[in-house]
PDB file of N, CA and C in Angstrom:
ATOM      1  N   MET A   1      -8.101  -4.908   4.765  1.00  0.00           N
ATOM      2  CA  MET A   1      -7.896  -4.751   3.181  1.00  0.00           C
ATOM      3  C   MET A   1      -9.083  -3.959   2.824  1.00  0.00           C
ATOM      4  N   ALA A   2      -8.775  -3.135   1.749  1.00  0.00           N
ATOM      5  CA  ALA A   2     -10.002  -2.461   1.305  1.00  0.00           C
ATOM      6  C   ALA A   2     -11.127  -3.323   0.646  1.00  0.00           C
ATOM      7  N   ASN A   3     -12.047  -2.621   0.337  1.00  0.00           N
ATOM      8  CA  ASN A   3     -13.235  -3.451  -0.245  1.00  0.00           C
ATOM      9  C   ASN A   3     -12.689  -4.205  -1.596  1.00  0.00           C
ATOM     10  N   PRO A   4     -12.951  -5.460  -1.360  1.00  0.00           N
ATOM     11  CA  PRO A   4     -12.466  -6.252  -2.534  1.00  0.00           C
ATOM     12  C   PRO A   4     -13.157  -6.078  -4.073  1.00  0.00           C
ATOM     13  N   LEU A   5     -12.271  -6.223  -5.110  1.00  0.00           N
ATOM     14  CA  LEU A   5     -13.079  -5.958  -6.337  1.00  0.00           C
ATOM     15  C   LEU A   5     -14.150  -6.963  -6.588  1.00  0.00           C
ATOM     16  N   PRO A   6     -15.143  -6.812  -7.129  1.00  0.00           N
ATOM     17  CA  PRO A   6     -16.046  -7.752  -7.388  1.00  0.00           C
ATOM     18  C   PRO A   6     -15.577  -9.182  -7.866  1.00  0.00           C
ATOM     19  N   ASN A   7     -14.615  -9.015  -8.755  1.00  0.00           N
ATOM     20  CA  ASN A   7     -13.985 -10.219  -9.351  1.00  0.00           C
ATOM     21  C   ASN A   7     -12.514 -10.678  -8.925  1.00  0.00           C
ATOM     22  N   GLU A   8     -12.281 -10.292  -7.641  1.00  0.00           N
ATOM     23  CA  GLU A   8     -11.064 -10.350  -7.124  1.00  0.00           C
ATOM     24  C   GLU A   8     -10.594 -11.934  -7.084  1.00  0.00           C
ATOM     25  N   ASP A   9     -11.640 -12.677  -6.425  1.00  0.00           N
ATOM     26  CA  ASP A   9     -11.216 -14.186  -6.535  1.00  0.00           C
ATOM     27  C   ASP A   9     -10.784 -14.533  -7.873  1.00  0.00           C
ATOM     28  N   LYS A  10     -11.502 -14.267  -8.949  1.00  0.00           N
ATOM     29  CA  LYS A  10     -11.186 -14.639 -10.350  1.00  0.00           C
ATOM     30  C   LYS A  10      -9.827 -14.225 -10.683  1.00  0.00           C
ATOM     31  N   ILE A  11      -9.504 -12.839 -10.301  1.00  0.00           N
ATOM     32  CA  ILE A  11      -7.997 -12.392 -10.768  1.00  0.00           C
ATOM     33  C   ILE A  11      -7.085 -13.289 -10.026  1.00  0.00           C
ATOM     34  N   TYR A  12      -7.236 -13.403  -8.669  1.00  0.00           N
ATOM     35  CA  TYR A  12      -6.268 -14.247  -8.023  1.00  0.00           C
ATOM     36  C   TYR A  12      -6.188 -15.647  -8.795  1.00  0.00           C
ATOM     37  N   GLU A  13      -7.270 -16.148  -9.179  1.00  0.00           N
ATOM     38  CA  GLU A  13      -7.102 -17.546  -9.718  1.00  0.00           C
ATOM     39  C   GLU A  13      -6.446 -17.479 -11.106  1.00  0.00           C
ATOM     40  N   LYS A  14      -6.719 -16.265 -11.749  1.00  0.00           N
ATOM     41  CA  LYS A  14      -5.888 -16.208 -13.153  1.00  0.00           C
ATOM     42  C   LYS A  14      -4.613 -16.185 -12.874  1.00  0.00           C
ATOM     43  N   ILE A  15      -3.854 -15.293 -11.946  1.00  0.00           N
ATOM     44  CA  ILE A  15      -2.755 -15.205 -11.500  1.00  0.00           C
ATOM     45  C   ILE A  15      -2.103 -16.463 -11.433  1.00  0.00           C
ATOM     46  N   LYS A  16      -2.910 -17.308 -10.539  1.00  0.00           N
ATOM     47  CA  LYS A  16      -2.204 -18.909 -10.221  1.00  0.00           C
ATOM     48  C   LYS A  16      -2.242 -19.668 -11.615  1.00  0.00           C
ATOM     49  N   GLN A  17      -3.385 -19.509 -12.237  1.00  0.00           N
ATOM     50  CA  GLN A  17      -3.186 -20.363 -13.576  1.00  0.00           C
ATOM     51  C   GLN A  17      -2.311 -19.947 -14.520  1.00  0.00           C
ATOM     52  N   GLU A  18      -2.184 -18.788 -14.653  1.00  0.00           N
ATOM     53  CA  GLU A  18      -1.099 -18.084 -15.766  1.00  0.00           C
ATOM     54  C   GLU A  18       0.179 -18.140 -15.181  1.00  0.00           C
ATOM     55  N   ASN A  19       0.359 -18.557 -13.831  1.00  0.00           N
ATOM     56  CA  ASN A  19       1.778 -18.461 -13.194  1.00  0.00           C
ATOM     57  C   ASN A  19       2.494 -17.062 -13.217  1.00  0.00           C
ATOM     58  N   VAL A  20       1.660 -16.249 -13.038  1.00  0.00           N
ATOM     59  CA  VAL A  20       2.044 -14.663 -13.083  1.00  0.00           C
ATOM     60  C   VAL A  20       3.170 -14.431 -11.816  1.00  0.00           C
ATOM     61  N   LYS A  21       4.435 -14.151 -12.218  1.00  0.00           N
ATOM     62  CA  LYS A  21       5.540 -13.785 -11.461  1.00  0.00           C
ATOM     63  C   LYS A  21       5.715 -12.071 -11.253  1.00  0.00           C
ATOM     64  N   VAL A  22       6.099 -11.651 -10.102  1.00  0.00           N
ATOM     65  CA  VAL A  22       6.602 -10.452  -9.821  1.00  0.00           C
ATOM     66  C   VAL A  22       8.172 -10.616  -9.637  1.00  0.00           C
ATOM     67  N   HIS A  23       8.710  -9.999 -10.381  1.00  0.00           N
ATOM     68  CA  HIS A  23      10.297  -9.769 -10.443  1.00  0.00           C
ATOM     69  C   HIS A  23      10.734  -9.603  -8.987  1.00  0.00           C
ATOM     70  N   PRO A  24      11.622 -10.103  -8.281  1.00  0.00           N
ATOM     71  CA  PRO A  24      12.070  -9.937  -6.900  1.00  0.00           C
ATOM     72  C   PRO A  24      12.471  -8.304  -6.694  1.00  0.00           C
ATOM     73  N   LEU A  25      13.036  -7.913  -7.714  1.00  0.00           N
ATOM     74  CA  LEU A  25      13.388  -6.278  -7.412  1.00  0.00           C
ATOM     75  C   LEU A  25      12.140  -5.415  -7.320  1.00  0.00           C
ATOM     76  N   VAL A  26      11.099  -5.781  -8.083  1.00  0.00           N
ATOM     77  CA  VAL A  26       9.869  -5.131  -7.994  1.00  0.00           C
ATOM     78  C   VAL A  26       9.318  -5.382  -6.633  1.00  0.00           C
ATOM     79  N   TRP A  27       9.231  -6.626  -6.206  1.00  0.00           N
ATOM     80  CA  TRP A  27       8.603  -6.977  -4.900  1.00  0.00           C
ATOM     81  C   TRP A  27       9.392  -6.367  -3.671  1.00  0.00           C
ATOM     82  N   GLU A  28      10.729  -6.221  -3.958  1.00  0.00           N
ATOM     83  CA  GLU A  28      11.400  -5.666  -2.722  1.00  0.00           C
ATOM     84  C   GLU A  28      11.294  -4.080  -2.833  1.00  0.00           C
ATOM     85  N   LEU A  29      11.136  -3.569  -3.854  1.00  0.00           N
ATOM     86  CA  LEU A  29      10.370  -2.261  -3.880  1.00  0.00           C
ATOM     87  C   LEU A  29       9.144  -1.928  -3.035  1.00  0.00           C
ATOM     88  N   ILE A  30       8.298  -2.766  -3.364  1.00  0.00           N
ATOM     89  CA  ILE A  30       6.941  -2.686  -3.005  1.00  0.00           C
ATOM     90  C   ILE A  30       6.958  -2.967  -1.300  1.00  0.00           C
ATOM     91  N   LYS A  31       7.724  -3.908  -0.902  1.00  0.00           N
ATOM     92  CA  LYS A  31       7.793  -4.328   0.489  1.00  0.00           C
ATOM     93  C   LYS A  31       8.342  -3.288   1.117  1.00  0.00           C
ATOM     94  N   HIS A  32       9.452  -2.642   0.737  1.00  0.00           N
ATOM     95  CA  HIS A  32      10.263  -1.520   1.202  1.00  0.00           C
ATOM     96  C   HIS A  32       9.383  -0.243   1.237  1.00  0.00           C
ATOM     97  N   HIS A  33       8.832   0.063   0.088  1.00  0.00           N
ATOM     98  CA  HIS A  33       8.056   1.635   0.384  1.00  0.00           C
ATOM     99  C   HIS A  33       6.648   1.389   0.861  1.00  0.00           C
ATOM    100  N   ILE A  34       5.931   0.578   0.543  1.00  0.00           N
ATOM    101  CA  ILE A  34       4.497   0.187   1.070  1.00  0.00           C
ATOM    102  C   ILE A  34       4.780  -0.228   2.535  1.00  0.00           C
ATOM    103  N   GLY A  35       5.667  -0.952   2.764  1.00  0.00           N
ATOM    104  CA  GLY A  35       5.798  -1.665   4.321  1.00  0.00           C
ATOM    105  C   GLY A  35       6.227  -0.330   5.156  1.00  0.00           C
ATOM    106  N   ASN A  36       6.861   0.235   4.692  1.00  0.00           N
ATOM    107  CA  ASN A  36       7.561   1.383   5.664  1.00  0.00           C
ATOM    108  C   ASN A  36       6.295   2.435   5.941  1.00  0.00           C
ATOM    109  N   ASP A  37       5.457   2.674   4.753  1.00  0.00           N
ATOM    110  CA  ASP A  37       4.500   3.623   5.053  1.00  0.00           C
ATOM    111  C   ASP A  37       3.236   3.002   5.879  1.00  0.00           C
ATOM    112  N   VAL A  38       3.059   1.901   5.560  1.00  0.00           N
ATOM    113  CA  VAL A  38       1.923   0.891   6.341  1.00  0.00           C
ATOM    114  C   VAL A  38       2.540   0.960   7.916  1.00  0.00           C
ATOM    115  N   PHE A  39       3.666   0.661   8.129  1.00  0.00           N
ATOM    116  CA  PHE A  39       4.177   0.711   9.475  1.00  0.00           C
ATOM    117  C   PHE A  39       4.106   2.193  10.083  1.00  0.00           C
ATOM    118  N   ALA A  40       4.382   3.097   9.619  1.00  0.00           N
ATOM    119  CA  ALA A  40       4.313   4.496  10.005  1.00  0.00           C
ATOM    120  C   ALA A  40       2.770   4.732  10.416  1.00  0.00           C
ATOM    121  N   ILE A  41       1.833   4.385   9.397  1.00  0.00           N
ATOM    122  CA  ILE A  41       0.555   4.670   9.831  1.00  0.00           C
ATOM    123  C   ILE A  41      -0.037   4.034  10.894  1.00  0.00           C
ATOM    124  N   ASN A  42       0.593   2.575  10.871  1.00  0.00           N
ATOM    125  CA  ASN A  42      -0.054   1.878  12.009  1.00  0.00           C
ATOM    126  C   ASN A  42       0.725   2.371  13.555  1.00  0.00           C
ATOM    127  N   ALA A  43       1.784   2.736  13.463  1.00  0.00           N
ATOM    128  CA  ALA A  43       2.503   3.385  14.728  1.00  0.00           C
ATOM    129  C   ALA A  43       1.752   5.090  15.061  1.00  0.00           C
ATOM    130  N   ILE A  44       1.361   5.487  14.126  1.00  0.00           N
ATOM    131  CA  ILE A  44       0.735   6.839  14.394  1.00  0.00           C
ATOM    132  C   ILE A  44      -0.787   6.598  14.962  1.00  0.00           C
ATOM    133  N   VAL A  45      -1.297   5.708  14.506  1.00  0.00           N
ATOM    134  CA  VAL A  45      -2.883   5.120  14.957  1.00  0.00           C
ATOM    135  C   VAL A  45      -2.613   4.688  16.310  1.00  0.00           C
ATOM    136  N   GLY A  46      -1.589   3.573  16.275  1.00  0.00           N
ATOM    137  CA  GLY A  46      -1.711   2.936  17.397  1.00  0.00           C
ATOM    138  C   GLY A  46      -1.050   3.749  18.597  1.00  0.00           C
ATOM    139  N   SER A  47      -0.515   4.715  18.514  1.00  0.00           N
ATOM    140  CA  SER A  47       0.040   5.663  19.367  1.00  0.00           C
ATOM    141  C   SER A  47      -1.011   6.666  19.938  1.00  0.00           C
ATOM    142  N   THR A  48      -2.040   6.955  19.010  1.00  0.00           N
ATOM    143  CA  THR A  48      -3.227   7.837  19.522  1.00  0.00           C
ATOM    144  C   THR A  48      -4.335   7.260  19.805  1.00  0.00           C
ATOM    145  N   VAL A  49      -5.037   6.882  18.474  1.00  0.00           N
ATOM    146  CA  VAL A  49      -6.476   6.456  18.767  1.00  0.00           C
ATOM    147  C   VAL A  49      -6.810   5.202  19.736  1.00  0.00           C
ATOM    148  N   LEU A  50      -5.723   4.326  19.420  1.00  0.00           N
ATOM    149  CA  LEU A  50      -5.960   3.059  20.127  1.00  0.00           C
ATOM    150  C   LEU A  50      -5.626   3.269  21.618  1.00  0.00           C
ATOM    151  N   ASP A  51      -4.872   4.111  21.977  1.00  0.00           N
ATOM    152  CA  ASP A  51      -4.805   4.617  23.346  1.00  0.00           C
ATOM    153  C   ASP A  51      -5.527   5.556  23.980  1.00  0.00           C
ATOM    154  N   GLY A  52      -6.685   5.668  23.088  1.00  0.00           N
ATOM    155  CA  GLY A  52      -7.887   6.501  23.895  1.00  0.00           C
ATOM    156  C   GLY A  52      -7.525   7.978  23.511  1.00  0.00           C
ATOM    157  N   ASP A  53      -6.529   8.405  22.871  1.00  0.00           N
ATOM    158  CA  ASP A  53      -6.499   9.788  22.476  1.00  0.00           C
ATOM    159  C   ASP A  53      -7.254  10.207  21.357  1.00  0.00           C
ATOM    160  N   VAL A  54      -7.308  11.559  20.975  1.00  0.00           N
ATOM    161  CA  VAL A  54      -7.957  12.097  19.765  1.00  0.00           C
ATOM    162  C   VAL A  54      -6.789  12.261  18.866  1.00  0.00           C
ATOM    163  N   LEU A  55      -7.013  12.008  17.639  1.00  0.00           N
ATOM    164  CA  LEU A  55      -5.966  12.270  16.512  1.00  0.00           C
ATOM    165  C   LEU A  55      -5.899  13.842  16.379  1.00  0.00           C
ATOM    166  N   LYS A  56      -4.572  14.290  16.613  1.00  0.00           N
ATOM    167  CA  LYS A  56      -4.232  15.547  16.489  1.00  0.00           C
ATOM    168  C   LYS A  56      -4.057  15.974  14.977  1.00  0.00           C
ATOM    169  N   PRO A  57      -4.303  17.201  14.666  1.00  0.00           N
ATOM    170  CA  PRO A  57      -4.209  17.655  13.248  1.00  0.00           C
ATOM    171  C   PRO A  57      -2.964  17.305  12.565  1.00  0.00           C
ATOM    172  N   GLU A  58      -1.736  17.404  13.282  1.00  0.00           N
ATOM    173  CA  GLU A  58      -0.450  17.301  12.860  1.00  0.00           C
ATOM    174  C   GLU A  58      -0.249  15.792  12.752  1.00  0.00           C
ATOM    175  N   ASP A  59      -1.073  14.829  13.311  1.00  0.00           N
ATOM    176  CA  ASP A  59      -0.780  13.361  13.424  1.00  0.00           C
ATOM    177  C   ASP A  59      -1.569  13.282  11.927  1.00  0.00           C
ATOM    178  N   ALA A  60      -2.822  13.723  11.740  1.00  0.00           N
ATOM    179  CA  ALA A  60      -3.577  13.627  10.651  1.00  0.00           C
ATOM    180  C   ALA A  60      -2.869  13.841   9.168  1.00  0.00           C
ATOM    181  N   LYS A  61      -2.286  14.882   9.304  1.00  0.00           N
ATOM    182  CA  LYS A  61      -1.113  15.208   8.133  1.00  0.00           C
ATOM    183  C   LYS A  61      -0.239  14.461   7.814  1.00  0.00           C
ATOM    184  N   ARG A  62       0.445  13.859   8.896  1.00  0.00           N
ATOM    185  CA  ARG A  62       1.373  12.848   8.715  1.00  0.00           C
ATOM    186  C   ARG A  62       0.764  11.501   8.103  1.00  0.00           C
ATOM    187  N   LEU A  63      -0.534  11.036   8.632  1.00  0.00           N
ATOM    188  CA  LEU A  63      -1.087  10.010   7.930  1.00  0.00           C
ATOM    189  C   LEU A  63      -1.390  10.262   6.657  1.00  0.00           C
ATOM    190  N   LEU A  64      -2.023  11.349   6.118  1.00  0.00           N
ATOM    191  CA  LEU A  64      -2.130  11.690   4.757  1.00  0.00           C
ATOM    192  C   LEU A  64      -0.750  11.858   4.050  1.00  0.00           C
ATOM    193  N   ASN A  65       0.224  12.275   4.439  1.00  0.00           N
ATOM    194  CA  ASN A  65       1.525  12.187   3.948  1.00  0.00           C
ATOM    195  C   ASN A  65       2.084  10.819   3.573  1.00  0.00           C
ATOM    196  N   HIS A  66       1.769  10.050   4.420  1.00  0.00           N
ATOM    197  CA  HIS A  66       2.293   8.683   4.220  1.00  0.00           C
ATOM    198  C   HIS A  66       1.154   7.845   3.001  1.00  0.00           C
ATOM    199  N   THR A  67       0.149   8.332   3.147  1.00  0.00           N
ATOM    200  CA  THR A  67      -0.724   7.755   2.105  1.00  0.00           C
ATOM    201  C   THR A  67      -0.529   8.317   0.658  1.00  0.00           C
ATOM    202  N   HIS A  68       0.019   9.557   0.658  1.00  0.00           N
ATOM    203  CA  HIS A  68       0.321  10.078  -0.652  1.00  0.00           C
ATOM    204  C   HIS A  68       1.797   9.713  -1.136  1.00  0.00           C
ATOM    205  N   ASN A  69       2.550   9.171   0.041  1.00  0.00           N
ATOM    206  CA  ASN A  69       3.856   8.523  -0.359  1.00  0.00           C
ATOM    207  C   ASN A  69       3.438   7.204  -0.973  1.00  0.00           C
ATOM    208  N   ILE A  70       2.629   6.367  -0.745  1.00  0.00           N
ATOM    209  CA  ILE A  70       2.145   5.132  -1.167  1.00  0.00           C
ATOM    210  C   ILE A  70       1.526   5.342  -2.724  1.00  0.00           C
ATOM    211  N   GLN A  71       0.746   6.307  -2.742  1.00  0.00           N
ATOM    212  CA  GLN A  71       0.350   6.693  -4.209  1.00  0.00           C
ATOM    213  C   GLN A  71       1.356   7.265  -5.027  1.00  0.00           C
ATOM    214  N   ASP A  72       2.466   7.902  -4.608  1.00  0.00           N
ATOM    215  CA  ASP A  72       3.286   8.334  -5.525  1.00  0.00           C
ATOM    216  C   ASP A  72       4.464   7.308  -5.892  1.00  0.00           C
ATOM    217  N   PHE A  73       4.503   6.323  -4.862  1.00  0.00           N
ATOM    218  CA  PHE A  73       5.271   5.188  -5.157  1.00  0.00           C
ATOM    219  C   PHE A  73       4.833   4.223  -6.369  1.00  0.00           C
ATOM    220  N   LEU A  74       3.280   4.111  -6.117  1.00  0.00           N
ATOM    221  CA  LEU A  74       2.722   3.139  -7.034  1.00  0.00           C
ATOM    222  C   LEU A  74       2.782   3.872  -8.485  1.00  0.00           C
ATOM    223  N   ASP A  75       2.477   5.219  -8.695  1.00  0.00           N
ATOM    224  CA  ASP A  75       2.631   5.822  -9.864  1.00  0.00           C
ATOM    225  C   ASP A  75       3.977   5.712 -10.488  1.00  0.00           C
ATOM    226  N   LYS A  76       5.166   5.782  -9.537  1.00  0.00           N
ATOM    227  CA  LYS A  76       6.424   5.733 -10.355  1.00  0.00           C
ATOM    228  C   LYS A  76       6.875   4.469 -10.567  1.00  0.00           C
ATOM    229  N   LEU A  77       6.397   3.389  -9.814  1.00  0.00           N
ATOM    230  CA  LEU A  77       6.430   1.815 -10.225  1.00  0.00           C
ATOM    231  C   LEU A  77       5.821   1.682 -11.490  1.00  0.00           C
ATOM    232  N   LYS A  78       4.580   2.293 -11.741  1.00  0.00           N
ATOM    233  CA  LYS A  78       3.816   1.894 -12.842  1.00  0.00           C
ATOM    234  C   LYS A  78       4.542   2.557 -14.052  1.00  0.00           C
ATOM    235  N   LYS A  79       5.164   3.545 -14.058  1.00  0.00           N
ATOM    236  CA  LYS A  79       5.816   4.295 -15.030  1.00  0.00           C
ATOM    237  C   LYS A  79       7.043   3.459 -15.165  1.00  0.00           C
ATOM    238  N   ALA A  80       7.666   3.138 -14.336  1.00  0.00           N
ATOM    239  CA  ALA A  80       9.183   2.248 -14.442  1.00  0.00           C
ATOM    240  C   ALA A  80       8.676   0.917 -15.237  1.00  0.00           C
ATOM    241  N   ILE A  81       7.588   0.249 -14.702  1.00  0.00           N
ATOM    242  CA  ILE A  81       7.298  -1.100 -15.482  1.00  0.00           C
ATOM    243  C   ILE A  81       6.394  -1.135 -16.552  1.00  0.00           C
ATOM    244  N   LYS A  82       5.989   0.215 -17.018  1.00  0.00           N
ATOM    245  CA  LYS A  82       5.221  -0.035 -18.173  1.00  0.00           C
ATOM    246  C   LYS A  82       3.886  -0.710 -17.916  1.00  0.00           C
ATOM    247  N   ILE A  83       3.150  -0.508 -16.776  1.00  0.00           N
ATOM    248  CA  ILE A  83       1.993  -1.461 -16.674  1.00  0.00           C
ATOM    249  C   ILE A  83       0.876  -0.902 -17.934  1.00  0.00           C
ATOM    250  N   GLU A  84       0.184  -2.033 -18.160  1.00  0.00           N
ATOM    251  CA  GLU A  84      -0.963  -1.755 -19.369  1.00  0.00           C
ATOM    252  C   GLU A  84      -2.292  -1.388 -18.719  1.00  0.00           C
ATOM    253  N   THR A  85      -2.886  -0.227 -18.853  1.00  0.00           N
ATOM    254  CA  THR A  85      -4.205   0.096 -18.100  1.00  0.00           C
ATOM    255  C   THR A  85      -5.123   0.123 -19.328  1.00  0.00           C
TER     256      THR A  85
END
């Protein structure tokens, strides 16, 4: 996991206290899109670096593409569900 927010534990606690729910359709999209990209990233890394190979430029581009896919999905989701910022 990325570096946690300084107040992350408090955020999780507030989510529990306020019984915040994620709609099943939103959760389905999150699991599908982010899950697919994370799986692909793991496959690329697992088939190169963890096997002792050097990451090739084309694989690095594929990794970046998957990270961009995640950001694009989050941006699209944010617009669709009108997250307050």
